[in-house]
Protein backbone atom coordinates (compact mmCIF):
# COMPACT_ATOMS: atom_id res chain seq x y z
CA UNK A 1 11.02 -10.57 11.29
CA UNK A 2 10.03 -13.58 13.36
CA UNK A 3 8.54 -16.62 11.58
CA UNK A 4 7.34 -19.96 12.94
CA UNK A 5 5.70 -22.87 11.11
CA UNK A 6 5.08 -26.00 13.19
CA UNK A 7 3.29 -29.24 12.26
CA UNK A 8 2.77 -32.29 14.47
CA UNK A 9 1.65 -35.58 12.87
CA UNK A 10 0.23 -38.40 14.97
CA UNK A 11 1.51 -41.67 13.47
CA UNK A 12 -1.37 -44.14 13.83
CA UNK A 13 0.16 -47.14 12.09
CA UNK A 14 -2.57 -47.03 9.43
CA UNK A 15 -2.72 -45.27 6.06
CA UNK A 16 -4.41 -42.19 7.63
CA UNK A 17 -2.44 -39.94 9.97
CA UNK A 18 -4.05 -36.84 11.56
CA UNK A 19 -1.97 -33.66 11.92
CA UNK A 20 -2.22 -30.23 13.53
CA UNK A 21 -0.11 -27.15 12.88
CA UNK A 22 0.31 -23.44 13.49
CA UNK A 23 1.98 -20.45 11.85
CA UNK A 24 3.10 -17.13 13.28
CA UNK A 25 4.72 -14.11 11.58
CA UNK A 26 5.75 -10.83 13.24
CA UNK A 27 7.32 -8.09 11.12
CA UNK A 28 8.18 -4.60 12.33
CA UNK A 29 10.35 -1.65 11.31
CA UNK A 30 11.39 -3.03 7.91
CA UNK A 31 10.97 0.30 6.10
CA UNK A 32 14.37 -0.08 4.44
CA UNK A 33 12.88 -2.92 2.34
CA UNK A 34 10.61 -0.38 0.65
CA UNK A 35 13.58 1.85 -0.24
CA UNK A 36 11.44 5.01 -0.08
CA UNK A 37 8.88 3.67 -2.58
CA UNK A 38 5.32 4.87 -1.98
CA UNK A 39 2.70 2.26 -1.06
CA UNK A 40 -0.86 3.26 -2.04
CA UNK A 41 0.55 6.74 -2.89
CA UNK A 42 1.78 7.27 0.71
CA UNK A 43 5.49 7.40 1.59
CA UNK A 44 7.28 6.62 4.84
CA UNK A 45 4.59 4.57 6.56
CA UNK A 46 5.95 2.13 9.16
CA UNK A 47 5.75 -1.64 8.63
CA UNK A 48 3.88 -3.46 11.40
CA UNK A 49 2.44 -6.94 10.75
CA UNK A 50 1.10 -9.72 12.97
CA UNK A 51 -0.16 -12.86 11.20
CA UNK A 52 -1.15 -16.14 12.80
CA UNK A 53 -3.09 -19.24 11.85
CA UNK A 54 -3.69 -22.90 12.35
CA UNK A 55 -4.44 -26.05 10.38
CA UNK A 56 -5.73 -29.57 10.99
CA UNK A 57 -6.11 -32.46 8.62
CA UNK A 58 -5.53 -36.05 7.56
CA UNK A 59 -2.65 -37.32 5.49
CA UNK A 60 -2.35 -40.58 3.55
CA UNK A 61 0.25 -41.84 1.06
CA UNK A 62 -1.81 -40.57 -1.90
CA UNK A 63 -3.93 -37.68 -0.56
CA UNK A 64 -4.05 -34.96 2.06
CA UNK A 65 -7.06 -33.05 3.37
CA UNK A 66 -6.35 -29.82 5.24
CA UNK A 67 -8.59 -27.25 6.96
CA UNK A 68 -6.83 -24.01 7.78
CA UNK A 69 -7.41 -20.45 8.95
CA UNK A 70 -5.16 -17.36 8.81
CA UNK A 71 -5.65 -13.96 10.42
CA UNK A 72 -3.74 -10.74 9.68
CA UNK A 73 -4.32 -8.22 12.46
CA UNK A 74 -5.15 -4.60 11.50
CA UNK A 75 -2.63 -1.90 12.42
CA UNK A 76 -3.93 1.55 11.49
CA UNK A 77 -1.40 4.02 10.07
CA UNK A 78 0.98 1.35 8.77
CA UNK A 79 1.77 0.01 5.30
CA UNK A 80 -1.36 -1.69 3.99
CA UNK A 81 -2.99 -1.35 7.42
CA UNK A 82 -0.77 -4.17 8.69
CA UNK A 83 0.10 -5.96 5.44
CA UNK A 84 2.90 -8.52 5.30
CA UNK A 85 5.79 -7.15 3.19
């Protein structure tokens, strides 16, 4: 599994600081985590996940406003069609 979560905040010197961030997850061949358990009544499907997203927002000492988006790519024939395990 590969995981990355990065956030950069621009310090403006005021009470409001804008920020931007990204996330990335890649998970493959982790079938041993399932220990032979069926998922959706199917056994021995491979694990193959690719998830990525981004966020932007404003942060202050008392509040934070964030807009974000996440995408999980489809992978036919895998656990949950590409689900993150």
